[in-house]
Amino acid sequence: MMPKKVMIVDDSRMVHLEMLKLLEGSDYEVVSYCCDGESAIEAYRNTQPDVVTMDILMPGMDGLEAARAILDSDPNANIIVVSSLAYDDTIEEASQVGAKGFLYKPFDQETLLAALDKATGTAGAV
């Protein structure tokens, strides 16, 4: 089975490295990493990932804006909003934008994989 392509959008290299480590040996493969919203939109077009993890707070364009732009160009995009800000209005806004899930930092492998599975519609698949 082909691994699912993941694009990580986060201004923290630590989060990027952590996700690479957590996804090792899973059904997911990181195909792209961006540290801001602008480059995420372009990278999405070029890599066509199965799922995107999108940080909210980044320099320049924030994650919700970038998510909105990606979903405008591809309404079927699977975007999981990742944030350490656990405010209800952020989750509400992420849902309105069209995010398929919400992941709080810090997260562990189980939480990350569950969110990716849910977003890609493979929840429960082993």
C-alpha atoms as a PDB file:
ATOM      1  CA  MET A   1       0.000   0.000   0.000  1.00  0.00           C
ATOM      2  CA  MET A   2       1.289   3.449  -0.884  1.00  0.00           C
ATOM      3  CA  PRO A   3       1.936   5.663   2.122  1.00  0.00           C
ATOM      4  CA  LYS A   4      -0.296   8.696   2.424  1.00  0.00           C
ATOM      5  CA  LYS A   5       1.439  11.990   1.746  1.00  0.00           C
ATOM      6  CA  VAL A   6       1.627  14.462   4.599  1.00  0.00           C
ATOM      7  CA  MET A   7       2.547  18.121   4.345  1.00  0.00           C
ATOM      8  CA  ILE A   8       3.642  19.795   7.570  1.00  0.00           C
ATOM      9  CA  VAL A   9       3.161  23.546   7.907  1.00  0.00           C
ATOM     10  CA  ASP A  10       4.733  24.895  11.091  1.00  0.00           C
ATOM     11  CA  ASP A  11       7.271  27.604  11.838  1.00  0.00           C
ATOM     12  CA  SER A  12       8.920  25.342  14.412  1.00  0.00           C
ATOM     13  CA  ARG A  13      11.653  22.972  13.203  1.00  0.00           C
ATOM     14  CA  MET A  14      11.137  21.030  16.432  1.00  0.00           C
ATOM     15  CA  VAL A  15       7.541  20.232  15.536  1.00  0.00           C
ATOM     16  CA  HIS A  16       8.658  19.180  12.056  1.00  0.00           C
ATOM     17  CA  LEU A  17      11.323  16.836  13.446  1.00  0.00           C
ATOM     18  CA  GLU A  18       8.939  15.506  16.080  1.00  0.00           C
ATOM     19  CA  MET A  19       6.328  14.668  13.432  1.00  0.00           C
ATOM     20  CA  LEU A  20       8.916  12.977  11.223  1.00  0.00           C
ATOM     21  CA  LYS A  21       9.865  10.817  14.192  1.00  0.00           C
ATOM     22  CA  LEU A  22       6.255  10.037  15.151  1.00  0.00           C
ATOM     23  CA  LEU A  23       5.316   9.084  11.584  1.00  0.00           C
ATOM     24  CA  GLU A  24       8.290   6.770  11.071  1.00  0.00           C
ATOM     25  CA  GLY A  25       7.076   3.291  10.160  1.00  0.00           C
ATOM     26  CA  SER A  26       3.453   4.459   9.824  1.00  0.00           C
ATOM     27  CA  ASP A  27       1.196   4.633   6.757  1.00  0.00           C
ATOM     28  CA  TYR A  28       2.131   8.295   6.381  1.00  0.00           C
ATOM     29  CA  GLU A  29       5.110   9.861   4.690  1.00  0.00           C
ATOM     30  CA  VAL A  30       6.110  13.518   5.024  1.00  0.00           C
ATOM     31  CA  VAL A  31       6.474  14.871   1.493  1.00  0.00           C
ATOM     32  CA  SER A  32       6.728  18.553   2.234  1.00  0.00           C
ATOM     33  CA  TYR A  33       7.566  20.938   5.047  1.00  0.00           C
ATOM     34  CA  CYS A  34       6.763  24.652   5.047  1.00  0.00           C
ATOM     35  CA  CYS A  35       7.355  27.207   7.749  1.00  0.00           C
ATOM     36  CA  ASP A  36       4.819  29.808   6.618  1.00  0.00           C
ATOM     37  CA  GLY A  37       1.401  30.092   5.027  1.00  0.00           C
ATOM     38  CA  GLU A  38       2.518  31.571   1.719  1.00  0.00           C
ATOM     39  CA  SER A  39       4.898  28.742   0.870  1.00  0.00           C
ATOM     40  CA  ALA A  40       2.311  26.199   2.078  1.00  0.00           C
ATOM     41  CA  ILE A  41      -0.148  27.262  -0.609  1.00  0.00           C
ATOM     42  CA  GLU A  42       2.447  26.811  -3.334  1.00  0.00           C
ATOM     43  CA  ALA A  43       3.783  23.547  -1.892  1.00  0.00           C
ATOM     44  CA  TYR A  44       0.252  22.154  -1.685  1.00  0.00           C
ATOM     45  CA  ARG A  45      -0.222  22.752  -5.401  1.00  0.00           C
ATOM     46  CA  ASN A  46       3.105  21.091  -6.205  1.00  0.00           C
ATOM     47  CA  THR A  47       2.887  18.042  -3.922  1.00  0.00           C
ATOM     48  CA  GLN A  48      -0.870  17.379  -3.719  1.00  0.00           C
ATOM     49  CA  PRO A  49      -0.599  15.798  -0.244  1.00  0.00           C
ATOM     50  CA  ASP A  50      -3.327  13.556   1.186  1.00  0.00           C
ATOM     51  CA  VAL A  51      -3.337  15.543   4.407  1.00  0.00           C
ATOM     52  CA  VAL A  52      -1.882  18.799   5.753  1.00  0.00           C
ATOM     53  CA  THR A  53      -1.032  19.618   9.356  1.00  0.00           C
ATOM     54  CA  MET A  54      -1.360  23.386   9.683  1.00  0.00           C
ATOM     55  CA  ASP A  55       0.002  25.430  12.563  1.00  0.00           C
ATOM     56  CA  ILE A  56      -2.018  28.562  13.285  1.00  0.00           C
ATOM     57  CA  LEU A  57       0.498  31.097  14.567  1.00  0.00           C
ATOM     58  CA  MET A  58       3.220  31.702  11.992  1.00  0.00           C
ATOM     59  CA  PRO A  59       5.024  34.753  10.677  1.00  0.00           C
ATOM     60  CA  GLY A  60       3.251  36.378   7.728  1.00  0.00           C
ATOM     61  CA  MET A  61       0.081  34.609   6.694  1.00  0.00           C
ATOM     62  CA  ASP A  62      -1.381  32.584   9.562  1.00  0.00           C
ATOM     63  CA  GLY A  63      -2.506  28.982   9.315  1.00  0.00           C
ATOM     64  CA  LEU A  64      -6.211  29.710   9.097  1.00  0.00           C
ATOM     65  CA  GLU A  65      -5.673  32.073   6.157  1.00  0.00           C
ATOM     66  CA  ALA A  66      -3.445  29.528   4.438  1.00  0.00           C
ATOM     67  CA  ALA A  67      -5.994  26.763   5.087  1.00  0.00           C
ATOM     68  CA  ARG A  68      -8.716  28.942   3.616  1.00  0.00           C
ATOM     69  CA  ALA A  69      -6.627  29.607   0.497  1.00  0.00           C
ATOM     70  CA  ILE A  70      -5.808  25.904   0.029  1.00  0.00           C
ATOM     71  CA  LEU A  71      -9.456  24.915   0.469  1.00  0.00           C
ATOM     72  CA  ASP A  72     -10.507  27.602  -2.011  1.00  0.00           C
ATOM     73  CA  SER A  73      -8.301  25.969  -4.634  1.00  0.00           C
ATOM     74  CA  ASP A  74      -9.087  22.392  -3.530  1.00  0.00           C
ATOM     75  CA  PRO A  75     -12.326  21.968  -1.552  1.00  0.00           C
ATOM     76  CA  ASN A  76     -11.394  18.322  -0.874  1.00  0.00           C
ATOM     77  CA  ALA A  77      -8.150  19.190   0.915  1.00  0.00           C
ATOM     78  CA  ASN A  78      -7.709  17.407   4.248  1.00  0.00           C
ATOM     79  CA  ILE A  79      -6.347  19.946   6.703  1.00  0.00           C
ATOM     80  CA  ILE A  80      -5.720  19.392  10.383  1.00  0.00           C
ATOM     81  CA  VAL A  81      -5.178  22.552  12.371  1.00  0.00           C
ATOM     82  CA  VAL A  82      -2.390  22.176  14.927  1.00  0.00           C
ATOM     83  CA  SER A  83      -2.087  24.630  17.780  1.00  0.00           C
ATOM     84  CA  SER A  84      -1.011  25.090  21.342  1.00  0.00           C
ATOM     85  CA  LEU A  85      -3.788  27.645  21.712  1.00  0.00           C
ATOM     86  CA  ALA A  86      -6.729  25.702  23.035  1.00  0.00           C
ATOM     87  CA  TYR A  87      -9.354  28.384  22.616  1.00  0.00           C
ATOM     88  CA  ASP A  88     -12.843  27.380  21.597  1.00  0.00           C
ATOM     89  CA  ASP A  89     -13.135  30.205  19.078  1.00  0.00           C
ATOM     90  CA  THR A  90      -9.981  28.986  17.325  1.00  0.00           C
ATOM     91  CA  ILE A  91     -11.481  25.503  16.953  1.00  0.00           C
ATOM     92  CA  GLU A  92     -14.749  27.094  15.826  1.00  0.00           C
ATOM     93  CA  GLU A  93     -12.926  29.210  13.240  1.00  0.00           C
ATOM     94  CA  ALA A  94     -10.913  26.197  12.034  1.00  0.00           C
ATOM     95  CA  SER A  95     -14.162  24.269  11.512  1.00  0.00           C
ATOM     96  CA  GLN A  96     -15.707  27.176   9.619  1.00  0.00           C
ATOM     97  CA  VAL A  97     -12.656  27.345   7.367  1.00  0.00           C
ATOM     98  CA  GLY A  98     -13.161  23.653   6.597  1.00  0.00           C
ATOM     99  CA  ALA A  99     -10.474  21.953   8.669  1.00  0.00           C
ATOM    100  CA  LYS A 100     -11.025  18.220   9.099  1.00  0.00           C
ATOM    101  CA  GLY A 101      -9.597  18.128  12.590  1.00  0.00           C
ATOM    102  CA  PHE A 102      -7.802  19.873  15.390  1.00  0.00           C
ATOM    103  CA  LEU A 103      -4.641  18.729  17.133  1.00  0.00           C
ATOM    104  CA  TYR A 104      -3.305  20.236  20.335  1.00  0.00           C
ATOM    105  CA  LYS A 105       0.419  20.611  20.985  1.00  0.00           C
ATOM    106  CA  PRO A 106       2.076  18.759  22.483  1.00  0.00           C
ATOM    107  CA  PHE A 107       0.748  15.544  20.903  1.00  0.00           C
ATOM    108  CA  ASP A 108       1.890  11.935  20.904  1.00  0.00           C
ATOM    109  CA  GLN A 109       2.036   9.378  18.117  1.00  0.00           C
ATOM    110  CA  GLU A 110      -1.366   7.898  18.886  1.00  0.00           C
ATOM    111  CA  THR A 111      -3.100  11.302  18.836  1.00  0.00           C
ATOM    112  CA  LEU A 112      -1.320  12.362  15.652  1.00  0.00           C
ATOM    113  CA  LEU A 113      -2.125   9.136  13.784  1.00  0.00           C
ATOM    114  CA  ALA A 114      -5.751   9.215  14.960  1.00  0.00           C
ATOM    115  CA  ALA A 115      -6.138  12.782  13.664  1.00  0.00           C
ATOM    116  CA  LEU A 116      -4.522  11.883  10.309  1.00  0.00           C
ATOM    117  CA  ASP A 117      -6.693   8.768   9.963  1.00  0.00           C
ATOM    118  CA  LYS A 118      -9.824  10.747  10.745  1.00  0.00           C
ATOM    119  CA  ALA A 119      -8.940  13.509   8.271  1.00  0.00           C
ATOM    120  CA  THR A 120      -8.142  11.075   5.454  1.00  0.00           C
ATOM    121  CA  GLY A 121     -11.160   8.899   6.160  1.00  0.00           C
ATOM    122  CA  THR A 122      -9.140   5.860   7.189  1.00  0.00           C
ATOM    123  CA  ALA A 123     -10.157   5.899  10.845  1.00  0.00           C
ATOM    124  CA  GLY A 124     -10.295   2.411  12.243  1.00  0.00           C
ATOM    125  CA  ALA A 125      -8.157   1.013   9.443  1.00  0.00           C
ATOM    126  CA  VAL A 126      -5.241  -1.052  10.680  1.00  0.00           C
END
